[in-house]
Amino acid sequence: MAFEADQVPENSIAKTEEVDLVVCGAGLAGVVLSLAASERGLKTVLLEKTAGMNVRGSGIGSLSCSVVKEAGIVFDERAYLDDALKAALYRCDAEIWRTWVERNGEAVDWLIEATKDAITPYLNLPDSGAAVDTFGGVNTYNDTIEAKEGMVAWAQAALDKAIENGTSVRYSTPAVQLVREQDRGVTGVVAKSMEDGSYLRLTASKGVALCTGGYENNLEMLRENMRPEDLNVVAWRLPNTENTGDGQLMGEAIGGVLEPRPHIMMRDPGGSAAAHSSMTFLSCRWPRVNKLGKRFVNECISHNDLANAFMRQPGGRDWIILAGPTLKEAMEGTTYKDHTPGARKQTAEQIIEQAKDVIVQADTLEELAQATGIDPENLQETCRRITELHANGEDVDFGTDPGMLMSFESGPYYAAEEGASNLVTVSGLVVTSDSEVVDGDGRAIPGLYALGNCSGGMFNDSYPHELSAISHSRCVVFSYLLARHLAEA
């Protein structure tokens, strides 16, 4: 953890620098904010706890950027806003969502233009070409803009441009506490070199932006703020260990408040209890049964809803089941790439190779039940019913895409146990639609901002994967808007 609760003594501060803006954290929000601010002439310092930039994932959601328009797609923005508010059970800040809906196209177009020499953007639509899929009454928006070069390359291009504009990047030098003057608000930070332990004060005339990510690597904060069942997972999808809630803790220390509990974890299906890892094979939307051998969900609903469903099954697990002459033929006889964006970039062979050690194969359903511990009689009946629904071309039981069903009249049969996998926390400091951190009375703290997973206001109950790539998109949109605001102030 970088945050230091005890005030750093004045005689320990080796140097003081004056800048316009201090950005804490070189994730996507911090990188984009540094680019947008430096582009507008703000003297910007980007502090990062680790030895390099920390960006992962695949894309950025946008309803109205040029790439969407060039594809001839018009998303219903009113319907999207309604779905976003419903996904949060209306326990969210509607103004933050409305701002995102109104400004996402402008912000993403700006980022595309700023990085056009290095990246090639495209809209990652399913093979069906559907802009919106609806299953079980849930609309999934296929509005993810990706770069052919990858998300990391896209972020690196933005960081390179920010540095070219004059941004000073200080790796292995995290902010450890905020400097607040009661009459002026937040006026800077104290940072610490991870190499020699020396302290640096950065005075920021325009303010400080907390872009330090979530707190998924802080077990104490997880236990304090999360529901216990949301931590009942078999895998953590990301390899990083640096997200320990430093920004949230720094904000709280000077009067900011965290949004109400329980906090939200970005959670996926696709975790392997056997391998303690996450894999694409287990994220695909093939039929699922619980330990009792019963099907229990429309498998084509959004990632988080699917994970919520099987986490409520006995033991918090389920089994994916398939049938076919070979596993590859069983897979390719379905429309699985329409429902799992990550699978579109891989061959069936690559997906199988990744999961080969967790897949159980048997010649009969009786043998499959014996090998997995699934109730044999119920498994037989469930597979008979899936075969019937497949033949009729409609899933009248749960409403899944019939293209994901198959015949179980003959084997071989395949199964893989699945548990939930967590990514990052997406709850944070209470902010306004201008990314201002507020105190317990709801008043904005002058000079302090929070963005990305360090901020709150948008999600409740679970992260809405059906609003594709909204996590990355909020980083881009609100960083872009904050830079404009600060430059004009």
Protein backbone atom coordinates (compact mmCIF):
# COMPACT_ATOMS: atom_id res chain seq x y z
CA MET A 1 0.00 0.00 0.00
CA ALA A 2 1.28 3.47 -0.89
CA PHE A 3 -1.12 5.51 1.28
CA GLU A 4 0.40 6.85 4.50
CA ALA A 5 -2.05 7.89 7.20
CA ASP A 6 0.49 9.73 9.36
CA GLN A 7 1.43 13.16 8.08
CA VAL A 8 4.84 13.21 6.46
CA PRO A 9 7.08 15.56 8.49
CA GLU A 10 8.06 18.74 6.73
CA ASN A 11 11.76 18.04 7.24
CA SER A 12 11.37 14.73 5.37
CA ILE A 13 10.31 16.41 2.13
CA ALA A 14 13.41 16.71 -0.02
CA LYS A 15 11.95 18.76 -2.85
CA THR A 16 8.89 20.78 -3.85
CA GLU A 17 7.68 21.31 -7.42
CA GLU A 18 4.90 23.49 -8.79
CA VAL A 19 2.69 22.14 -11.57
CA ASP A 20 -0.84 22.62 -12.88
CA LEU A 21 -2.18 19.09 -12.48
CA VAL A 22 -1.07 15.97 -10.61
CA VAL A 23 -2.50 12.70 -11.92
CA CYS A 24 -2.16 9.76 -9.54
CA GLY A 25 -2.05 6.43 -11.32
CA ALA A 26 -1.04 5.37 -14.85
CA GLY A 27 -4.03 3.21 -15.67
CA LEU A 28 -6.31 4.09 -18.56
CA ALA A 29 -7.95 7.04 -16.77
CA GLY A 30 -4.62 8.52 -15.71
CA VAL A 31 -3.03 8.07 -19.12
CA VAL A 32 -5.97 9.60 -20.99
CA LEU A 33 -6.29 12.49 -18.54
CA SER A 34 -2.56 13.21 -18.87
CA LEU A 35 -2.91 13.29 -22.65
CA ALA A 36 -6.00 15.50 -22.62
CA ALA A 37 -4.58 17.91 -20.04
CA SER A 38 -1.15 18.24 -21.63
CA GLU A 39 -2.77 18.72 -25.03
CA ARG A 40 -4.52 21.76 -23.56
CA GLY A 41 -1.30 23.20 -22.21
CA LEU A 42 -1.52 22.13 -18.58
CA LYS A 43 1.78 21.31 -16.90
CA THR A 44 1.03 17.75 -15.87
CA VAL A 45 2.83 15.20 -13.72
CA LEU A 46 1.71 11.57 -13.86
CA LEU A 47 2.65 9.55 -10.76
CA GLU A 48 2.68 5.76 -10.90
CA LYS A 49 3.22 3.31 -8.07
CA THR A 50 4.73 0.59 -10.23
CA ALA A 51 7.52 0.53 -12.80
CA GLY A 52 5.23 0.95 -15.81
CA MET A 53 1.80 1.73 -17.20
CA ASN A 54 -1.05 -0.54 -16.06
CA VAL A 55 -3.70 -1.03 -18.75
CA ARG A 56 -5.47 -4.26 -19.67
CA GLY A 57 -8.75 -5.33 -21.23
CA SER A 58 -9.85 -5.04 -24.82
CA GLY A 59 -11.96 -2.03 -25.74
CA ILE A 60 -13.86 1.18 -25.04
CA GLY A 61 -17.63 1.45 -25.21
CA SER A 62 -19.19 4.16 -27.37
CA LEU A 63 -22.72 4.63 -28.64
CA SER A 64 -22.08 7.47 -31.04
CA CYS A 65 -18.44 7.80 -32.09
CA SER A 66 -17.43 7.91 -35.74
CA VAL A 67 -16.64 4.17 -35.89
CA VAL A 68 -20.21 3.36 -34.86
CA LYS A 69 -21.64 5.81 -37.36
CA GLU A 70 -19.45 4.44 -40.16
CA ALA A 71 -20.86 0.99 -39.42
CA GLY A 72 -24.33 2.38 -40.09
CA ILE A 73 -25.51 1.73 -36.54
CA VAL A 74 -27.73 4.02 -34.51
CA PHE A 75 -28.05 3.03 -30.87
CA ASP A 76 -31.13 4.09 -28.93
CA GLU A 77 -29.50 6.36 -26.34
CA ARG A 78 -32.69 6.76 -24.32
CA ALA A 79 -33.08 2.98 -24.06
CA TYR A 80 -29.42 2.65 -23.08
CA LEU A 81 -29.80 5.20 -20.29
CA ASP A 82 -32.90 3.44 -19.02
CA ASP A 83 -31.08 0.09 -19.06
CA ALA A 84 -28.09 1.59 -17.23
CA LEU A 85 -30.30 3.04 -14.49
CA LYS A 86 -32.22 -0.23 -14.16
CA ALA A 87 -28.99 -2.23 -13.99
CA ALA A 88 -27.99 -0.07 -11.01
CA LEU A 89 -31.47 -0.46 -9.48
CA TYR A 90 -31.56 3.34 -9.68
CA ARG A 91 -29.01 3.43 -6.82
CA CYS A 92 -26.68 5.56 -8.90
CA ASP A 93 -26.11 9.12 -10.02
CA ALA A 94 -28.33 9.59 -13.06
CA GLU A 95 -26.47 12.77 -14.02
CA ILE A 96 -23.19 10.86 -14.34
CA TRP A 97 -24.86 8.34 -16.64
CA ARG A 98 -26.58 11.08 -18.63
CA THR A 99 -23.27 12.88 -19.09
CA TRP A 100 -21.66 9.70 -20.37
CA VAL A 101 -24.49 9.06 -22.85
CA GLU A 102 -24.34 12.61 -24.19
CA ARG A 103 -20.56 12.95 -24.45
CA ASN A 104 -19.10 9.47 -25.14
CA GLY A 105 -18.99 9.89 -28.91
CA GLU A 106 -17.13 13.16 -28.71
CA ALA A 107 -14.61 11.83 -26.20
CA VAL A 108 -13.84 8.58 -28.02
CA ASP A 109 -13.52 10.40 -31.33
CA TRP A 110 -11.00 12.73 -29.71
CA LEU A 111 -8.94 9.76 -28.46
CA ILE A 112 -9.09 8.08 -31.86
CA GLU A 113 -7.88 11.26 -33.55
CA ALA A 114 -5.11 11.76 -30.99
CA THR A 115 -3.75 8.24 -31.54
CA LYS A 116 -4.56 7.77 -35.22
CA ASP A 117 -0.92 7.30 -36.24
CA ALA A 118 -0.59 4.22 -34.02
CA ILE A 119 -3.94 2.44 -33.81
CA THR A 120 -6.65 1.10 -36.10
CA PRO A 121 -10.07 1.20 -34.42
CA TYR A 122 -12.98 -1.09 -35.28
CA LEU A 123 -16.38 -2.01 -33.85
CA ASN A 124 -16.27 -5.53 -32.39
CA LEU A 125 -19.67 -6.80 -33.53
CA PRO A 126 -20.70 -10.46 -33.24
CA ASP A 127 -20.90 -12.56 -36.42
CA SER A 128 -24.64 -11.91 -36.48
CA GLY A 129 -23.95 -8.20 -36.90
CA ALA A 130 -26.48 -7.38 -34.17
CA ALA A 131 -25.93 -4.05 -32.47
CA VAL A 132 -28.07 -5.16 -29.52
CA ASP A 133 -28.81 -8.69 -28.33
CA THR A 134 -31.77 -9.35 -26.04
CA PHE A 135 -31.98 -12.47 -23.91
CA GLY A 136 -34.09 -12.99 -20.83
CA GLY A 137 -35.25 -9.39 -21.02
CA VAL A 138 -31.69 -8.03 -20.79
CA ASN A 139 -30.31 -5.93 -23.63
CA THR A 140 -26.61 -6.38 -24.36
CA TYR A 141 -25.09 -3.48 -26.32
CA ASN A 142 -22.36 -4.50 -28.76
CA ASP A 143 -20.77 -1.05 -28.82
CA THR A 144 -17.15 -1.89 -28.01
CA ILE A 145 -14.51 -0.01 -30.00
CA GLU A 146 -11.26 -1.97 -30.13
CA ALA A 147 -7.88 -1.37 -31.71
CA LYS A 148 -6.44 -4.02 -34.02
CA GLU A 149 -3.16 -3.42 -32.24
CA GLY A 150 -4.73 -4.17 -28.82
CA MET A 151 -5.79 -2.13 -25.81
CA VAL A 152 -2.30 -1.92 -24.34
CA ALA A 153 -0.93 -0.54 -27.60
CA TRP A 154 -3.75 2.00 -27.69
CA ALA A 155 -2.98 3.19 -24.19
CA GLN A 156 0.74 3.28 -24.93
CA ALA A 157 0.08 5.46 -27.96
CA ALA A 158 -1.89 7.85 -25.73
CA LEU A 159 0.89 7.89 -23.14
CA ASP A 160 3.55 8.52 -25.79
CA LYS A 161 1.55 11.46 -27.06
CA ALA A 162 1.11 12.82 -23.54
CA ILE A 163 4.87 12.65 -22.96
CA GLU A 164 5.43 14.35 -26.31
CA ASN A 165 3.10 17.11 -25.10
CA GLY A 166 5.23 17.63 -22.00
CA THR A 167 3.70 15.29 -19.38
CA SER A 168 6.31 14.23 -16.83
CA VAL A 169 5.84 10.55 -15.88
CA ARG A 170 7.30 9.43 -12.56
CA TYR A 171 7.30 5.65 -12.24
CA SER A 172 7.83 3.93 -8.88
CA THR A 173 6.72 7.22 -7.29
CA PRO A 174 3.19 7.02 -5.90
CA ALA A 175 1.28 9.74 -4.12
CA VAL A 176 1.09 8.77 -0.46
CA GLN A 177 -1.14 11.54 0.88
CA LEU A 178 -3.01 14.61 -0.24
CA VAL A 179 -2.24 18.16 0.84
CA ARG A 180 -5.36 20.05 1.88
CA GLU A 181 -5.62 23.65 3.00
CA GLN A 182 -8.96 24.33 4.65
CA ASP A 183 -9.50 27.62 2.85
CA ARG A 184 -8.33 26.38 -0.57
CA GLY A 185 -9.14 22.69 -0.73
CA VAL A 186 -6.63 20.19 -2.10
CA THR A 187 -3.49 21.95 -3.28
CA GLY A 188 -1.20 19.04 -4.05
CA VAL A 189 0.25 15.72 -2.97
CA VAL A 190 3.19 14.24 -1.18
CA ALA A 191 4.79 11.49 -3.25
CA LYS A 192 7.41 8.94 -2.31
CA SER A 193 10.16 7.33 -4.35
CA MET A 194 9.95 3.54 -4.11
CA GLU A 195 13.64 3.42 -4.99
CA ASP A 196 15.25 5.55 -2.30
CA GLY A 197 12.36 6.39 0.04
CA SER A 198 12.65 10.16 -0.45
CA TYR A 199 9.57 12.38 -0.38
CA LEU A 200 8.50 14.96 -2.94
CA ARG A 201 5.79 17.61 -2.61
CA LEU A 202 3.93 18.54 -5.79
CA THR A 203 1.86 21.71 -5.57
CA ALA A 204 -0.94 21.68 -8.15
CA SER A 205 -2.66 24.92 -9.10
CA LYS A 206 -5.46 23.15 -11.02
CA GLY A 207 -5.89 20.18 -8.74
CA VAL A 208 -5.19 16.50 -8.12
CA ALA A 209 -6.86 13.61 -9.94
CA LEU A 210 -7.06 10.21 -8.25
CA CYS A 211 -6.83 7.55 -10.95
CA THR A 212 -5.39 4.79 -8.79
CA GLY A 213 -7.86 2.05 -9.72
CA GLY A 214 -9.81 -0.19 -7.38
CA TYR A 215 -8.91 -1.95 -4.16
CA GLU A 216 -9.14 -5.59 -5.22
CA ASN A 217 -5.70 -6.28 -3.76
CA ASN A 218 -6.64 -4.99 -0.30
CA LEU A 219 -8.23 -7.89 1.58
CA GLU A 220 -9.18 -5.74 4.57
CA MET A 221 -11.12 -3.31 2.38
CA LEU A 222 -12.76 -6.18 0.47
CA ARG A 223 -14.01 -7.79 3.67
CA GLU A 224 -15.23 -4.43 4.98
CA ASN A 225 -17.11 -3.34 1.88
CA MET A 226 -18.16 -6.44 -0.09
CA ARG A 227 -20.81 -9.09 0.43
CA PRO A 228 -19.12 -12.33 1.53
CA GLU A 229 -20.72 -14.27 -1.34
CA ASP A 230 -19.09 -11.90 -3.85
CA LEU A 231 -15.69 -13.07 -2.62
CA ASN A 232 -16.64 -16.75 -3.03
CA VAL A 233 -14.72 -17.13 -6.27
CA VAL A 234 -12.24 -19.61 -7.73
CA ALA A 235 -10.04 -17.23 -9.73
CA TRP A 236 -8.85 -13.65 -9.97
CA ARG A 237 -8.57 -12.80 -13.64
CA LEU A 238 -5.91 -10.10 -13.53
CA PRO A 239 -2.28 -10.59 -12.51
CA ASN A 240 -1.80 -7.17 -10.94
CA THR A 241 -1.25 -6.67 -7.21
CA GLU A 242 -0.87 -2.90 -7.02
CA ASN A 243 -4.52 -1.87 -6.64
CA THR A 244 -4.78 -1.51 -2.88
CA GLY A 245 -7.23 1.38 -2.56
CA ASP A 246 -4.60 4.11 -2.18
CA GLY A 247 -6.74 6.73 -3.90
CA GLN A 248 -9.87 5.88 -1.95
CA LEU A 249 -7.95 6.00 1.33
CA MET A 250 -6.24 9.28 0.48
CA GLY A 251 -9.59 10.80 -0.43
CA GLU A 252 -11.23 9.61 2.78
CA ALA A 253 -8.35 10.96 4.85
CA ILE A 254 -9.12 14.56 3.84
CA GLY A 255 -12.93 14.35 4.00
CA GLY A 256 -14.08 12.44 0.93
CA VAL A 257 -16.56 9.59 1.36
CA LEU A 258 -16.94 6.18 -0.22
CA GLU A 259 -20.25 5.31 -1.82
CA PRO A 260 -22.61 3.14 0.25
CA ARG A 261 -21.97 -0.56 0.77
CA PRO A 262 -22.08 -3.20 -0.48
CA HIS A 263 -19.48 -2.26 -3.06
CA ILE A 264 -19.34 -3.77 -6.51
CA MET A 265 -16.89 -6.22 -8.00
CA MET A 266 -16.49 -6.68 -11.74
CA ARG A 267 -17.21 -10.39 -11.87
CA ASP A 268 -17.18 -12.89 -14.71
CA PRO A 269 -18.10 -16.49 -15.25
CA GLY A 270 -15.32 -18.67 -16.65
CA GLY A 271 -13.35 -19.49 -13.52
CA SER A 272 -11.94 -22.98 -13.15
CA ALA A 273 -12.13 -24.51 -9.69
CA ALA A 274 -9.59 -27.14 -10.78
CA ALA A 275 -7.04 -24.74 -12.26
CA HIS A 276 -7.78 -21.68 -10.09
CA SER A 277 -7.64 -19.60 -13.24
CA SER A 278 -10.00 -18.07 -15.75
CA MET A 279 -10.35 -19.20 -19.35
CA THR A 280 -12.33 -18.41 -22.49
CA PHE A 281 -13.77 -21.93 -22.80
CA LEU A 282 -15.60 -21.56 -19.51
CA SER A 283 -16.96 -18.14 -20.47
CA CYS A 284 -18.77 -19.44 -23.54
CA ARG A 285 -22.55 -19.77 -23.31
CA TRP A 286 -23.07 -23.50 -23.76
CA PRO A 287 -25.68 -25.35 -21.65
CA ARG A 288 -25.06 -25.46 -17.92
CA VAL A 289 -26.31 -27.68 -15.14
CA ASN A 290 -25.86 -27.49 -11.39
CA LYS A 291 -24.64 -30.32 -9.20
CA LEU A 292 -28.19 -31.69 -9.11
CA GLY A 293 -28.07 -32.08 -12.87
CA LYS A 294 -30.65 -29.37 -13.52
CA ARG A 295 -30.44 -26.49 -15.92
CA PHE A 296 -31.12 -23.21 -14.10
CA VAL A 297 -30.51 -20.15 -16.31
CA ASN A 298 -30.61 -18.56 -19.73
CA GLU A 299 -26.93 -18.99 -20.51
CA CYS A 300 -26.82 -16.08 -22.98
CA ILE A 301 -27.53 -13.35 -20.47
CA SER A 302 -24.73 -10.94 -19.57
CA HIS A 303 -21.51 -12.15 -17.94
CA ASN A 304 -22.29 -10.76 -14.50
CA ASP A 305 -25.85 -12.07 -14.46
CA LEU A 306 -24.67 -15.54 -15.46
CA ALA A 307 -22.08 -15.48 -12.67
CA ASN A 308 -24.71 -14.30 -10.20
CA ALA A 309 -26.95 -17.21 -11.22
CA PHE A 310 -24.47 -20.02 -10.78
CA MET A 311 -22.99 -18.55 -7.62
CA ARG A 312 -26.43 -19.16 -6.07
CA GLN A 313 -26.36 -22.85 -7.03
CA PRO A 314 -25.23 -25.57 -4.58
CA GLY A 315 -21.57 -24.94 -3.80
CA GLY A 316 -21.52 -21.81 -5.94
CA ARG A 317 -20.53 -23.87 -9.00
CA ASP A 318 -21.99 -25.33 -12.18
CA TRP A 319 -20.94 -27.60 -15.04
CA ILE A 320 -20.80 -26.71 -18.73
CA ILE A 321 -21.92 -29.68 -20.83
CA LEU A 322 -21.48 -30.40 -24.56
CA ALA A 323 -21.83 -33.33 -26.94
CA GLY A 324 -20.34 -34.10 -30.35
CA PRO A 325 -18.02 -36.39 -32.30
CA THR A 326 -15.14 -34.14 -31.22
CA LEU A 327 -15.06 -31.19 -28.86
CA LYS A 328 -14.17 -28.90 -31.73
CA GLU A 329 -17.18 -30.06 -33.74
CA ALA A 330 -19.42 -29.64 -30.71
CA MET A 331 -18.20 -26.06 -30.28
CA GLU A 332 -18.35 -25.07 -33.93
CA GLY A 333 -21.87 -26.40 -34.27
CA THR A 334 -22.99 -23.53 -32.04
CA THR A 335 -23.09 -19.74 -32.27
CA TYR A 336 -20.70 -19.35 -29.34
CA LYS A 337 -18.67 -16.51 -30.86
CA ASP A 338 -21.79 -14.35 -30.99
CA HIS A 339 -21.98 -14.33 -27.20
CA THR A 340 -18.37 -14.24 -26.00
CA PRO A 341 -16.37 -11.35 -27.49
CA GLY A 342 -13.06 -12.81 -26.31
CA ALA A 343 -13.71 -15.99 -28.28
CA ARG A 344 -13.93 -14.12 -31.58
CA LYS A 345 -10.18 -13.54 -31.57
CA GLN A 346 -9.25 -17.18 -31.00
CA THR A 347 -9.59 -20.43 -32.91
CA ALA A 348 -11.45 -23.37 -31.43
CA GLU A 349 -8.12 -25.17 -31.08
CA GLN A 350 -6.67 -22.31 -29.03
CA ILE A 351 -9.69 -22.23 -26.73
CA ILE A 352 -9.56 -26.00 -26.20
CA GLU A 353 -5.82 -25.99 -25.55
CA GLN A 354 -6.28 -23.44 -22.80
CA ALA A 355 -8.89 -25.61 -21.06
CA LYS A 356 -7.65 -29.13 -21.84
CA ASP A 357 -6.71 -29.90 -18.25
CA VAL A 358 -10.16 -29.10 -16.82
CA ILE A 359 -12.38 -30.77 -19.43
CA VAL A 360 -13.89 -34.13 -18.50
CA GLN A 361 -14.76 -36.47 -21.39
CA ALA A 362 -16.91 -39.60 -21.29
CA ASP A 363 -18.56 -41.96 -23.77
CA THR A 364 -21.91 -42.03 -21.96
CA LEU A 365 -23.87 -39.65 -19.80
CA GLU A 366 -23.73 -42.18 -16.97
CA GLU A 367 -19.94 -42.11 -17.10
CA LEU A 368 -19.95 -38.32 -17.29
CA ALA A 369 -22.16 -38.12 -14.19
CA GLN A 370 -19.89 -40.52 -12.34
CA ALA A 371 -16.78 -38.55 -13.28
CA THR A 372 -18.24 -35.18 -12.25
CA GLY A 373 -20.51 -36.01 -9.33
CA ILE A 374 -23.57 -34.62 -11.15
CA ASP A 375 -26.86 -36.35 -10.32
CA PRO A 376 -27.14 -39.00 -13.08
CA GLU A 377 -30.95 -39.21 -13.41
CA ASN A 378 -31.45 -35.48 -13.59
CA LEU A 379 -28.55 -35.13 -16.04
CA GLN A 380 -30.17 -37.67 -18.35
CA GLU A 381 -33.50 -35.83 -18.23
CA THR A 382 -31.88 -32.41 -18.70
CA CYS A 383 -29.91 -33.58 -21.74
CA ARG A 384 -33.05 -35.18 -23.21
CA ARG A 385 -34.86 -31.86 -22.81
CA ILE A 386 -32.01 -29.83 -24.35
CA THR A 387 -32.01 -32.22 -27.32
CA GLU A 388 -35.75 -31.67 -27.75
CA LEU A 389 -35.42 -27.88 -27.57
CA HIS A 390 -32.54 -28.01 -30.07
CA ALA A 391 -34.66 -30.03 -32.51
CA ASN A 392 -37.56 -27.57 -32.17
CA GLY A 393 -35.27 -24.56 -32.69
CA GLU A 394 -36.56 -22.66 -29.66
CA ASP A 395 -35.65 -22.62 -25.99
CA VAL A 396 -39.08 -22.26 -24.43
CA ASP A 397 -37.68 -23.13 -20.99
CA PHE A 398 -35.15 -20.33 -20.50
CA GLY A 399 -35.06 -18.31 -23.73
CA THR A 400 -31.43 -18.79 -24.65
CA ASP A 401 -30.16 -18.55 -28.21
CA PRO A 402 -31.18 -21.92 -29.74
CA GLY A 403 -27.93 -21.79 -31.68
CA MET A 404 -26.15 -22.54 -28.41
CA LEU A 405 -28.06 -25.78 -27.89
CA MET A 406 -27.16 -29.19 -29.33
CA SER A 407 -28.24 -32.81 -29.44
CA PHE A 408 -27.19 -35.10 -26.61
CA GLU A 409 -28.50 -38.25 -28.28
CA SER A 410 -24.96 -39.55 -28.77
CA GLY A 411 -21.53 -38.83 -27.39
CA PRO A 412 -18.79 -38.37 -26.63
CA TYR A 413 -19.83 -35.99 -23.86
CA TYR A 414 -17.81 -33.18 -22.33
CA ALA A 415 -18.08 -31.25 -19.08
CA ALA A 416 -16.09 -28.62 -17.20
CA GLU A 417 -16.75 -27.28 -13.73
CA GLU A 418 -17.16 -23.51 -13.53
CA GLY A 419 -16.92 -20.96 -10.74
CA ALA A 420 -16.86 -17.19 -10.65
CA SER A 421 -13.77 -15.10 -11.37
CA ASN A 422 -13.24 -11.56 -10.10
CA LEU A 423 -11.48 -8.76 -11.93
CA VAL A 424 -11.54 -5.38 -10.19
CA THR A 425 -13.62 -3.36 -7.78
CA VAL A 426 -15.64 -0.62 -9.46
CA SER A 427 -16.87 1.30 -6.40
CA GLY A 428 -15.07 4.31 -5.03
CA LEU A 429 -15.29 7.88 -3.85
CA VAL A 430 -18.54 9.74 -4.30
CA VAL A 431 -18.14 12.20 -7.16
CA THR A 432 -20.19 14.64 -9.18
CA SER A 433 -20.71 14.38 -12.93
CA ASP A 434 -17.67 16.71 -13.19
CA SER A 435 -15.57 14.07 -11.34
CA GLU A 436 -15.31 16.28 -8.22
CA VAL A 437 -14.87 14.33 -4.99
CA VAL A 438 -17.50 15.35 -2.44
CA ASP A 439 -17.53 15.36 1.35
CA GLY A 440 -20.11 13.91 3.74
CA ASP A 441 -22.40 16.89 3.18
CA GLY A 442 -22.35 16.42 -0.57
CA ARG A 443 -20.16 19.46 -1.19
CA ALA A 444 -17.37 19.27 -3.75
CA ILE A 445 -13.87 19.38 -2.24
CA PRO A 446 -12.02 22.06 -4.26
CA GLY A 447 -9.10 20.73 -6.26
CA LEU A 448 -9.82 17.01 -5.84
CA TYR A 449 -11.10 14.68 -8.55
CA ALA A 450 -11.52 10.92 -8.90
CA LEU A 451 -11.91 8.91 -12.08
CA GLY A 452 -12.20 5.32 -13.24
CA ASN A 453 -12.39 2.60 -10.61
CA CYS A 454 -11.38 5.04 -7.91
CA SER A 455 -14.73 6.78 -8.39
CA GLY A 456 -18.30 5.71 -7.73
CA GLY A 457 -21.80 6.66 -8.72
CA MET A 458 -22.52 4.36 -11.65
CA PHE A 459 -22.96 0.75 -10.52
CA ASN A 460 -24.98 -1.19 -7.98
CA ASP A 461 -25.43 -4.88 -7.14
CA SER A 462 -23.10 -6.07 -9.91
CA TYR A 463 -21.05 -4.61 -12.76
CA PRO A 464 -23.25 -4.49 -15.91
CA HIS A 465 -21.31 -6.36 -18.59
CA GLU A 466 -24.30 -5.90 -20.91
CA LEU A 467 -23.20 -2.26 -21.19
CA SER A 468 -20.11 -3.32 -23.04
CA ALA A 469 -16.75 -1.85 -22.02
CA ILE A 470 -18.38 0.85 -19.90
CA SER A 471 -15.56 0.67 -17.34
CA HIS A 472 -12.90 1.69 -19.85
CA SER A 473 -15.28 4.13 -21.45
CA ARG A 474 -15.95 6.05 -18.26
CA CYS A 475 -12.18 6.42 -17.88
CA VAL A 476 -11.91 7.97 -21.32
CA VAL A 477 -15.03 10.14 -21.25
CA PHE A 478 -14.64 11.70 -17.83
CA SER A 479 -10.89 12.20 -18.20
CA TYR A 480 -11.49 14.04 -21.47
CA LEU A 481 -14.22 16.18 -19.89
CA LEU A 482 -12.19 16.96 -16.77
CA ALA A 483 -9.22 18.16 -18.83
CA ARG A 484 -11.49 20.52 -20.75
CA HIS A 485 -12.98 21.81 -17.50
CA LEU A 486 -9.61 22.40 -15.85
CA ALA A 487 -8.14 24.11 -18.90
CA GLU A 488 -11.08 26.49 -19.11
CA ALA A 489 -11.27 27.23 -15.37
